[in-house]
Amino acid sequence: MNRPPVATADTERVLWLDGLPPDQLATRPPLDGDTTADVAIVGAGYTGLWTAYYLSTFNPDLKVVVIDAGRAGFGASGRNGGWCTAEMPALLPGLVRRHGPMAAMRLYRAGQRTLDELRRVLDAERIDAHWRHDGSLYVARSAPQVDRLRGWHEVRGKLGIGGLTLTVGAPAAEQIGLTGVRATAYTPHCVTVHPARLARGLLAAVERRGVLVAEGTRATRIAPGLLVTDGGTVRARSVLIATEGYTGRLAGHGRRVLPLHSYVLATEPLDAATWQHIGLTDHRTVAESRYQFGYLQRTLDDRLVLGGRGAYYRFGSATDRAAAAGRRAHDLLRRTLAELLPDLADVPVTHRWSGVYGLHRHTEPEVVYDRETGLGHAGGYGGEGIALSNLAARSLAALVAGVSRPETRLCWVDNASRRWEPEPLRYIGVRTVTGVATGADRYEHRFDRTAPLARLALRAIV
């Protein structure tokens, strides 16, 4: 089989950034000199922009300054897979184990309600993010994967969380045209969006509310009441870090967040007959149930976007994009596409890119604010940041503004994780867990039974 190359060069081409309208591409000037503010935010991705948005909602008199070393929304917020969900199938059992069933249920339900809040804001601010609310289909293609879907369904049932429809056997295989489907679990709590349109639309919205956003401005020092940048110093009562997987670039924060690289590709537009054959006549998202899983969706212009989660980690928490690693990851995605949808094995790929998401040592998201020092942060969404960043920002903004809201009583508030191990222990540990997960997937595919050490891999990989 002659398969076309993923790309003709090492440079990335991001579908979402390619598709931005010209009016959303305008750059904002960097910080030019010293200034003062009530709140200074480092990072103009989803977390930083949503936090600024809700600060201006909870207390419109606050002066808020947001800085970003690059351009707002051009990091992970503009490079993700376009899923807006808070289903957290891998995270839910851990939440129950560490915080108890009631706390886990409250966070889970708050995440589900976040979809309604997002839609409300997008409508109010007239942000066209290509919103499509068709839900998500999780598929199992081996006996252990079927067991995992059943387990997820049972945990939700015990917590009183409904909305997940489990289908097993031939009826499941009829729902989607992927090879070897044995079971599916459908949830309505998932939306697809155009990530970069959402980020840049949110940027314009916070600016309309009086927030100053300075692009091309790098933080060099953070201390209580002080944010020093390469363009000037901001003196502020509160300084918040919203840099997610890029947190390690900040002095003193090198081991707080583990940056993991996720890879995505997009095909050329497919015709209606192909989509009918695949079984995606709407815009529901689809995810495998492997540990190192793949996920896919249909875009508004009829491309197939395929992403892969493999916990790709670079020594020293590096976040720059290595060309050789990217080629290997995208080649693996191409093989995954051929495995799942053999008829699309040779379809041309027009875009390939990568993004960095963050993971805390306890593998949970967290929202932390110290009222005495005025320092705070939020992040660690494990790849579900489109929805969870909105909820976390509401939690953080309410804490900073001093208002009582349900979001400030969720189990992730002040749930600070211990730091990751120093190198080379960090690198060895992450690569070992990744290897266990990869080996478990191969074992289960070959022998159709649960792999040894699979439980360890399930708890360690988000």
Protein backbone atom coordinates (compact mmCIF):
# COMPACT_ATOMS: atom_id res chain seq x y z
CA MET A 1 0.00 0.00 0.00
CA ASN A 2 1.42 3.40 -0.99
CA ARG A 3 0.59 5.74 1.84
CA PRO A 4 1.16 9.49 1.31
CA PRO A 5 3.47 11.19 3.78
CA VAL A 6 1.95 13.07 6.68
CA ALA A 7 3.68 16.24 5.60
CA THR A 8 6.41 17.37 3.23
CA ALA A 9 8.35 19.35 5.84
CA ASP A 10 9.14 19.38 9.53
CA THR A 11 7.11 22.51 10.19
CA GLU A 12 3.71 22.12 11.77
CA ARG A 13 0.49 23.31 10.20
CA VAL A 14 -2.35 23.78 12.69
CA LEU A 15 -5.83 23.43 11.22
CA TRP A 16 -7.47 25.74 13.76
CA LEU A 17 -4.91 28.52 13.38
CA ASP A 18 -5.08 28.24 9.59
CA GLY A 19 -8.83 28.80 9.78
CA LEU A 20 -8.85 32.02 11.79
CA PRO A 21 -10.59 35.01 10.16
CA PRO A 22 -8.28 37.97 9.43
CA ASP A 23 -9.90 40.13 12.10
CA GLN A 24 -8.90 37.58 14.77
CA LEU A 25 -5.24 37.54 13.75
CA ALA A 26 -4.39 41.07 14.88
CA THR A 27 -1.57 41.06 17.44
CA ARG A 28 -1.70 43.00 20.69
CA PRO A 29 1.29 45.16 21.65
CA PRO A 30 3.63 43.98 24.41
CA LEU A 31 3.80 45.59 27.81
CA ASP A 32 5.74 48.83 27.54
CA GLY A 33 6.87 50.05 30.94
CA ASP A 34 5.76 49.65 34.53
CA THR A 35 2.12 49.62 35.58
CA THR A 36 -0.18 48.72 38.45
CA ALA A 37 -3.23 46.47 38.63
CA ASP A 38 -5.48 44.71 41.07
CA VAL A 39 -4.82 41.35 39.40
CA ALA A 40 -1.99 40.30 37.08
CA ILE A 41 -2.36 37.04 35.14
CA VAL A 42 0.47 35.16 33.45
CA GLY A 43 -0.82 33.23 30.43
CA ALA A 44 -3.44 34.26 27.88
CA GLY A 45 -4.83 30.84 27.07
CA TYR A 46 -8.22 29.56 28.18
CA THR A 47 -7.46 29.63 31.92
CA GLY A 48 -6.03 33.14 31.92
CA LEU A 49 -8.67 34.66 29.67
CA TRP A 50 -11.59 32.96 31.42
CA THR A 51 -10.23 34.09 34.80
CA ALA A 52 -10.02 37.67 33.52
CA TYR A 53 -13.54 37.37 32.13
CA TYR A 54 -15.07 36.24 35.42
CA LEU A 55 -13.06 38.73 37.46
CA SER A 56 -14.62 41.47 35.36
CA THR A 57 -18.00 39.84 35.99
CA PHE A 58 -17.70 39.35 39.75
CA ASN A 59 -16.10 42.77 40.31
CA PRO A 60 -16.11 45.12 37.29
CA ASP A 61 -14.04 47.69 39.21
CA LEU A 62 -10.96 45.45 39.27
CA LYS A 63 -8.08 46.42 37.01
CA VAL A 64 -6.83 43.24 35.36
CA VAL A 65 -3.66 42.81 33.27
CA VAL A 66 -2.93 39.61 31.33
CA ILE A 67 0.44 38.88 29.73
CA ASP A 68 1.56 36.11 27.39
CA ALA A 69 5.02 35.27 26.10
CA GLY A 70 3.54 34.51 22.69
CA ARG A 71 0.08 35.24 21.30
CA ALA A 72 -3.18 34.72 23.15
CA GLY A 73 -4.63 31.29 22.41
CA PHE A 74 -1.75 30.15 20.17
CA GLY A 75 -0.43 27.59 22.66
CA ALA A 76 -2.41 24.60 23.84
CA SER A 77 -5.67 26.56 23.69
CA GLY A 78 -5.42 26.83 19.92
CA ARG A 79 -3.82 23.43 19.29
CA ASN A 80 -6.07 20.89 21.01
CA GLY A 81 -8.44 18.34 19.50
CA GLY A 82 -11.56 20.52 19.70
CA TRP A 83 -13.39 18.43 22.32
CA CYS A 84 -15.32 20.38 24.93
CA THR A 85 -16.22 17.84 27.61
CA ALA A 86 -15.79 17.15 31.31
CA GLU A 87 -16.55 13.41 31.22
CA MET A 88 -13.18 12.48 32.80
CA PRO A 89 -13.53 8.67 32.44
CA ALA A 90 -9.96 8.00 33.65
CA LEU A 91 -10.07 10.61 36.42
CA LEU A 92 -13.42 9.78 38.03
CA PRO A 93 -12.36 6.63 39.98
CA GLY A 94 -9.37 8.51 41.42
CA LEU A 95 -11.58 11.41 42.52
CA VAL A 96 -13.85 8.97 44.33
CA ARG A 97 -10.89 7.24 45.98
CA ARG A 98 -9.14 10.42 47.14
CA HIS A 99 -12.03 12.79 47.90
CA GLY A 100 -15.03 10.56 48.45
CA PRO A 101 -18.11 9.91 46.29
CA MET A 102 -20.01 13.11 47.15
CA ALA A 103 -17.09 15.42 46.35
CA ALA A 104 -16.38 13.53 43.11
CA MET A 105 -20.02 13.74 42.10
CA ARG A 106 -20.18 17.51 42.75
CA LEU A 107 -17.10 18.18 40.61
CA TYR A 108 -18.38 15.90 37.86
CA ARG A 109 -21.79 17.53 37.73
CA ALA A 110 -20.26 21.00 37.83
CA GLY A 111 -18.19 20.00 34.81
CA GLN A 112 -21.29 18.84 32.95
CA ARG A 113 -23.12 22.09 33.70
CA THR A 114 -20.13 23.99 32.34
CA LEU A 115 -21.27 23.23 28.79
CA ASP A 116 -24.40 25.30 29.41
CA GLU A 117 -22.30 28.14 30.88
CA LEU A 118 -19.99 28.10 27.87
CA ARG A 119 -22.89 28.29 25.46
CA ARG A 120 -24.42 31.16 27.44
CA VAL A 121 -21.20 33.20 27.27
CA LEU A 122 -20.59 32.45 23.60
CA ASP A 123 -24.10 33.64 22.76
CA ALA A 124 -23.83 36.73 24.98
CA GLU A 125 -20.44 37.73 23.55
CA ARG A 126 -21.33 36.70 19.98
CA ILE A 127 -18.36 34.34 19.67
CA ASP A 128 -18.68 32.00 16.68
CA ALA A 129 -16.69 28.96 17.84
CA HIS A 130 -18.39 26.46 15.49
CA TRP A 131 -20.33 24.99 18.43
CA ARG A 132 -21.86 21.56 17.70
CA HIS A 133 -23.53 19.66 20.54
CA ASP A 134 -23.87 16.05 19.35
CA GLY A 135 -22.28 14.18 22.27
CA SER A 136 -19.52 11.62 22.32
CA LEU A 137 -19.18 7.90 21.62
CA TYR A 138 -16.59 5.83 23.51
CA VAL A 139 -15.81 2.53 21.78
CA ALA A 140 -14.37 -0.77 23.04
CA ARG A 141 -12.61 -3.14 20.63
CA SER A 142 -11.47 -5.90 23.01
CA ALA A 143 -12.82 -7.74 26.04
CA PRO A 144 -10.77 -5.69 28.57
CA GLN A 145 -11.95 -2.49 26.93
CA VAL A 146 -15.55 -3.66 27.24
CA ASP A 147 -14.92 -4.32 30.92
CA ARG A 148 -13.56 -0.79 31.36
CA LEU A 149 -16.61 0.75 29.71
CA ARG A 150 -18.84 -1.34 31.97
CA GLY A 151 -16.83 -0.23 35.00
CA TRP A 152 -17.16 3.43 34.05
CA HIS A 153 -20.90 2.96 33.58
CA GLU A 154 -21.20 1.25 36.99
CA VAL A 155 -19.22 3.94 38.83
CA ARG A 156 -21.43 6.63 37.36
CA GLY A 157 -24.52 4.67 38.34
CA LYS A 158 -23.35 4.37 41.94
CA LEU A 159 -22.77 8.13 42.05
CA GLY A 160 -26.19 8.84 40.60
CA ILE A 161 -24.71 10.30 37.43
CA GLY A 162 -26.88 9.32 34.48
CA GLY A 163 -26.69 10.08 30.80
CA LEU A 164 -24.31 7.31 29.70
CA THR A 165 -25.89 4.76 27.36
CA LEU A 166 -24.00 1.45 27.16
CA THR A 167 -24.49 -0.78 24.11
CA VAL A 168 -22.81 -4.19 23.71
CA GLY A 169 -22.51 -6.58 20.76
CA ALA A 170 -23.81 -6.25 17.22
CA PRO A 171 -25.95 -3.13 17.92
CA ALA A 172 -22.78 -1.35 19.08
CA ALA A 173 -20.90 -2.26 15.90
CA GLU A 174 -23.74 -0.77 13.85
CA GLN A 175 -23.33 2.63 15.51
CA ILE A 176 -19.89 3.44 14.10
CA GLY A 177 -17.81 2.16 11.20
CA LEU A 178 -14.58 1.54 13.12
CA THR A 179 -13.17 -1.98 12.87
CA GLY A 180 -13.80 -4.53 15.62
CA VAL A 181 -16.26 -2.54 17.76
CA ARG A 182 -17.70 -4.70 20.58
CA ALA A 183 -19.29 -2.08 22.81
CA THR A 184 -20.03 1.64 22.89
CA ALA A 185 -20.91 4.16 25.57
CA TYR A 186 -22.68 7.31 24.42
CA THR A 187 -22.87 10.52 26.44
CA PRO A 188 -24.60 13.74 25.38
CA HIS A 189 -22.19 15.79 27.49
CA CYS A 190 -19.68 16.68 24.78
CA VAL A 191 -19.44 19.55 22.31
CA THR A 192 -17.06 20.19 19.43
CA VAL A 193 -15.64 23.67 18.96
CA HIS A 194 -13.09 25.52 16.88
CA PRO A 195 -10.49 26.01 19.65
CA ALA A 196 -8.66 29.01 18.20
CA ARG A 197 -11.89 30.87 17.37
CA LEU A 198 -12.98 30.33 20.96
CA ALA A 199 -9.69 31.66 22.35
CA ARG A 200 -9.46 34.71 20.12
CA GLY A 201 -13.16 35.47 20.55
CA LEU A 202 -12.68 35.34 24.31
CA LEU A 203 -9.67 37.66 23.96
CA ALA A 204 -11.86 40.28 22.28
CA ALA A 205 -14.55 39.81 24.91
CA VAL A 206 -12.23 40.50 27.87
CA GLU A 207 -10.79 43.54 26.10
CA ARG A 208 -14.28 44.94 25.68
CA ARG A 209 -14.59 44.61 29.46
CA GLY A 210 -11.51 46.73 30.05
CA VAL A 211 -8.90 44.00 30.55
CA LEU A 212 -5.41 44.81 29.22
CA VAL A 213 -3.85 41.88 27.32
CA ALA A 214 -0.16 42.23 26.43
CA GLU A 215 1.19 39.70 23.93
CA GLY A 216 4.89 39.04 23.37
CA THR A 217 5.58 39.71 27.06
CA ARG A 218 7.53 37.13 29.06
CA ALA A 219 7.39 36.82 32.85
CA THR A 220 10.86 36.75 34.41
CA ARG A 221 9.97 36.88 38.11
CA ILE A 222 6.86 36.31 40.19
CA ALA A 223 6.56 37.30 43.84
CA PRO A 224 3.81 38.47 46.19
CA GLY A 225 2.49 41.73 44.78
CA LEU A 226 4.96 41.69 41.91
CA LEU A 227 5.14 40.46 38.31
CA VAL A 228 8.39 41.31 36.55
CA THR A 229 8.42 40.95 32.75
CA ASP A 230 10.80 41.72 29.92
CA GLY A 231 8.62 44.73 29.08
CA GLY A 232 8.08 46.23 32.51
CA THR A 233 6.95 45.49 36.05
CA VAL A 234 3.33 45.02 37.13
CA ARG A 235 2.58 45.68 40.79
CA ALA A 236 -0.64 43.91 41.71
CA ARG A 237 -2.41 42.70 44.83
CA SER A 238 -2.90 39.27 43.20
CA VAL A 239 -0.60 37.49 40.72
CA LEU A 240 -2.04 34.38 39.08
CA ILE A 241 -0.29 31.73 37.00
CA ALA A 242 -2.35 30.29 34.13
CA THR A 243 0.36 28.69 32.01
CA GLU A 244 -0.69 25.00 32.26
CA GLY A 245 1.90 22.79 30.54
CA TYR A 246 4.26 25.76 30.02
CA THR A 247 4.55 26.47 33.78
CA GLY A 248 8.02 24.93 33.93
CA ARG A 249 9.42 27.92 32.07
CA LEU A 250 8.74 30.12 35.09
CA ALA A 251 11.53 30.45 37.64
CA GLY A 252 10.79 28.38 40.72
CA HIS A 253 8.01 26.36 39.07
CA GLY A 254 10.03 23.85 37.06
CA ARG A 255 8.63 20.74 38.76
CA ARG A 256 5.07 21.85 39.54
CA VAL A 257 3.44 20.79 36.25
CA LEU A 258 4.51 17.97 33.93
CA PRO A 259 4.23 18.99 30.25
CA LEU A 260 3.00 16.18 27.99
CA HIS A 261 2.86 16.41 24.21
CA SER A 262 -0.26 15.39 22.32
CA TYR A 263 -0.36 15.02 18.53
CA VAL A 264 -3.13 15.65 16.01
CA LEU A 265 -3.64 15.41 12.26
CA ALA A 266 -6.42 16.45 9.88
CA THR A 267 -7.37 14.99 6.52
CA GLU A 268 -8.63 16.73 3.43
CA PRO A 269 -12.44 17.19 3.37
CA LEU A 270 -14.33 13.90 2.88
CA ASP A 271 -17.49 13.48 0.82
CA ALA A 272 -20.94 12.69 2.22
CA ALA A 273 -20.81 9.04 1.14
CA THR A 274 -17.60 8.50 3.14
CA TRP A 275 -19.10 10.02 6.26
CA GLN A 276 -22.19 7.84 5.83
CA HIS A 277 -19.93 4.79 5.58
CA ILE A 278 -18.02 5.79 8.72
CA GLY A 279 -21.27 6.31 10.57
CA LEU A 280 -20.63 9.95 11.44
CA THR A 281 -23.55 11.78 9.90
CA ASP A 282 -23.43 14.33 12.74
CA HIS A 283 -20.57 15.85 14.77
CA ARG A 284 -20.35 13.46 17.71
CA THR A 285 -16.83 12.74 18.85
CA VAL A 286 -15.37 9.23 19.05
CA ALA A 287 -12.74 7.87 21.45
CA GLU A 288 -11.06 4.50 21.86
CA SER A 289 -10.81 2.74 25.21
CA ARG A 290 -7.14 1.84 25.00
CA TYR A 291 -4.73 3.28 27.55
CA GLN A 292 -2.79 5.04 24.77
CA PHE A 293 -5.95 6.01 22.98
CA GLY A 294 -6.93 7.77 19.82
CA TYR A 295 -9.86 10.12 19.32
CA LEU A 296 -11.51 11.58 16.26
CA GLN A 297 -14.15 14.03 15.14
CA ARG A 298 -15.74 15.50 12.03
CA THR A 299 -15.09 19.19 11.51
CA LEU A 300 -17.54 21.73 10.17
CA ASP A 301 -15.80 21.62 6.77
CA ASP A 302 -15.96 17.79 6.70
CA ARG A 303 -12.38 16.94 7.59
CA LEU A 304 -11.53 14.06 9.90
CA VAL A 305 -9.39 15.17 12.84
CA LEU A 306 -7.55 12.35 14.60
CA GLY A 307 -5.59 12.83 17.80
CA GLY A 308 -3.56 10.55 20.03
CA ARG A 309 -2.77 10.55 23.71
CA GLY A 310 0.47 8.77 24.50
CA ALA A 311 1.93 10.74 27.43
CA TYR A 312 4.83 11.90 25.25
CA TYR A 313 7.34 13.51 27.61
CA ARG A 314 10.67 15.19 26.83
CA PHE A 315 13.60 15.21 29.23
CA GLY A 316 13.77 18.25 31.46
CA SER A 317 10.09 19.11 30.86
CA ALA A 318 10.98 20.63 27.48
CA THR A 319 8.03 22.15 25.60
CA ASP A 320 9.61 22.97 22.26
CA ARG A 321 8.45 20.78 19.40
CA ALA A 322 11.04 18.20 18.31
CA ALA A 323 10.70 17.40 14.62
CA ALA A 324 11.83 13.77 14.84
CA ALA A 325 9.47 12.97 17.73
CA GLY A 326 6.64 14.70 15.88
CA ARG A 327 7.22 12.63 12.74
CA ARG A 328 7.16 9.39 14.74
CA ALA A 329 3.99 10.39 16.58
CA HIS A 330 2.19 11.45 13.42
CA ASP A 331 3.25 8.29 11.62
CA LEU A 332 1.75 6.33 14.52
CA LEU A 333 -1.46 8.33 14.17
CA ARG A 334 -1.49 7.49 10.48
CA ARG A 335 -1.19 3.79 11.27
CA THR A 336 -3.97 4.17 13.85
CA LEU A 337 -6.21 5.72 11.20
CA ALA A 338 -5.52 2.80 8.87
CA GLU A 339 -6.28 0.34 11.66
CA LEU A 340 -9.54 1.98 12.71
CA LEU A 341 -10.76 2.96 9.23
CA PRO A 342 -8.92 0.90 6.58
CA ASP A 343 -10.77 2.60 3.73
CA LEU A 344 -9.14 5.89 4.75
CA ALA A 345 -5.60 4.54 4.92
CA ASP A 346 -4.52 6.56 1.88
CA VAL A 347 -6.57 9.71 2.38
CA PRO A 348 -4.37 12.82 2.07
CA VAL A 349 -3.45 14.58 5.30
CA THR A 350 -3.36 18.37 5.04
CA HIS A 351 -2.48 19.40 8.61
CA ARG A 352 -0.43 18.00 11.45
CA TRP A 353 0.43 19.62 14.74
CA SER A 354 1.09 19.10 18.43
CA GLY A 355 0.15 20.74 21.71
CA VAL A 356 1.30 20.62 25.32
CA TYR A 357 -1.05 19.83 28.17
CA GLY A 358 -0.23 19.78 31.87
CA LEU A 359 -0.40 17.10 34.53
CA HIS A 360 0.07 17.47 38.29
CA ARG A 361 1.79 14.83 40.40
CA HIS A 362 -1.54 13.71 41.89
CA THR A 363 -2.97 13.60 38.30
CA GLU A 364 -5.84 15.94 39.23
CA PRO A 365 -6.70 19.50 38.22
CA GLU A 366 -6.24 22.04 40.97
CA VAL A 367 -7.20 25.62 41.85
CA VAL A 368 -5.02 27.27 44.48
CA TYR A 369 -5.13 30.82 45.90
CA ASP A 370 -3.29 32.15 48.93
CA ARG A 371 -5.13 35.23 50.17
CA GLU A 372 -2.17 36.35 52.30
CA THR A 373 0.39 36.42 49.47
CA GLY A 374 -2.08 37.03 46.63
CA LEU A 375 -0.48 34.22 44.60
CA GLY A 376 -2.59 31.62 42.83
CA HIS A 377 -2.79 29.21 39.94
CA ALA A 378 -5.10 26.81 38.15
CA GLY A 379 -4.57 24.00 35.66
CA GLY A 380 -3.57 20.37 35.25
CA TYR A 381 -6.64 19.40 33.22
CA GLY A 382 -5.06 16.31 31.67
CA GLY A 383 -6.29 17.12 28.18
CA GLU A 384 -9.87 18.23 28.98
CA GLY A 385 -9.06 21.90 29.32
CA ILE A 386 -11.67 23.48 27.05
CA ALA A 387 -14.45 22.81 29.54
CA LEU A 388 -12.49 22.44 32.78
CA SER A 389 -10.58 25.70 32.27
CA ASN A 390 -13.87 27.59 32.36
CA LEU A 391 -14.92 25.93 35.61
CA ALA A 392 -11.47 26.38 37.16
CA ALA A 393 -11.42 30.04 36.15
CA ARG A 394 -14.75 30.60 37.87
CA SER A 395 -13.33 28.96 41.00
CA LEU A 396 -10.14 31.04 40.91
CA ALA A 397 -11.84 34.33 40.04
CA ALA A 398 -14.35 33.91 42.86
CA LEU A 399 -11.55 33.21 45.35
CA VAL A 400 -9.63 36.31 44.21
CA ALA A 401 -12.72 38.53 44.17
CA GLY A 402 -13.79 37.26 47.59
CA VAL A 403 -17.27 36.19 46.51
CA SER A 404 -19.05 33.08 47.75
CA ARG A 405 -19.95 30.73 44.94
CA PRO A 406 -20.44 26.94 44.62
CA GLU A 407 -17.26 26.70 42.50
CA THR A 408 -15.13 27.69 45.49
CA ARG A 409 -16.32 24.62 47.41
CA LEU A 410 -15.30 22.00 44.84
CA CYS A 411 -12.70 19.41 45.83
CA TRP A 412 -10.03 20.82 43.54
CA VAL A 413 -9.81 24.11 45.48
CA ASP A 414 -6.58 24.29 47.52
CA ASN A 415 -5.83 20.70 46.45
CA ALA A 416 -2.18 21.49 45.77
CA SER A 417 -0.10 18.60 44.53
CA ARG A 418 3.44 17.86 45.63
CA ARG A 419 6.06 18.55 42.99
CA TRP A 420 7.33 16.07 40.44
CA GLU A 421 10.59 14.24 41.07
CA PRO A 422 13.84 15.82 39.82
CA GLU A 423 15.49 14.53 36.67
CA PRO A 424 16.40 11.90 35.67
CA LEU A 425 13.86 10.25 38.00
CA ARG A 426 11.00 12.19 36.39
CA TYR A 427 11.96 11.11 32.89
CA ILE A 428 12.54 7.48 33.89
CA GLY A 429 9.25 7.31 35.76
CA VAL A 430 7.11 8.80 33.00
CA ARG A 431 8.74 6.71 30.29
CA THR A 432 8.32 3.56 32.39
CA VAL A 433 4.61 4.17 32.94
CA THR A 434 4.18 4.98 29.24
CA GLY A 435 5.92 1.74 28.32
CA VAL A 436 3.67 -0.24 30.66
CA ALA A 437 0.59 1.32 29.08
CA THR A 438 1.83 0.64 25.54
CA GLY A 439 2.66 -2.95 26.45
CA ALA A 440 -0.77 -3.39 28.04
CA ASP A 441 -2.49 -2.23 24.85
CA ARG A 442 -0.48 -4.68 22.74
CA TYR A 443 -1.12 -7.54 25.15
CA GLU A 444 -4.86 -6.93 25.26
CA HIS A 445 -5.09 -6.63 21.47
CA ARG A 446 -3.23 -9.91 20.99
CA PHE A 447 -4.68 -12.06 23.78
CA ASP A 448 -8.05 -10.35 24.40
CA ARG A 449 -7.63 -10.34 28.15
CA THR A 450 -6.52 -7.83 30.76
CA ALA A 451 -2.81 -7.20 30.73
CA PRO A 452 -0.57 -7.54 33.80
CA LEU A 453 0.08 -4.16 35.44
CA ALA A 454 -2.86 -2.70 33.51
CA ARG A 455 -4.38 -1.25 36.67
CA LEU A 456 -1.15 0.64 37.32
CA ALA A 457 -1.20 2.06 33.80
CA LEU A 458 -4.85 3.07 34.11
CA ARG A 459 -4.17 5.03 37.30
CA ALA A 460 -1.07 6.72 35.96
CA ILE A 461 -2.12 7.74 32.44
CA VAL A 462 -4.71 10.50 31.99
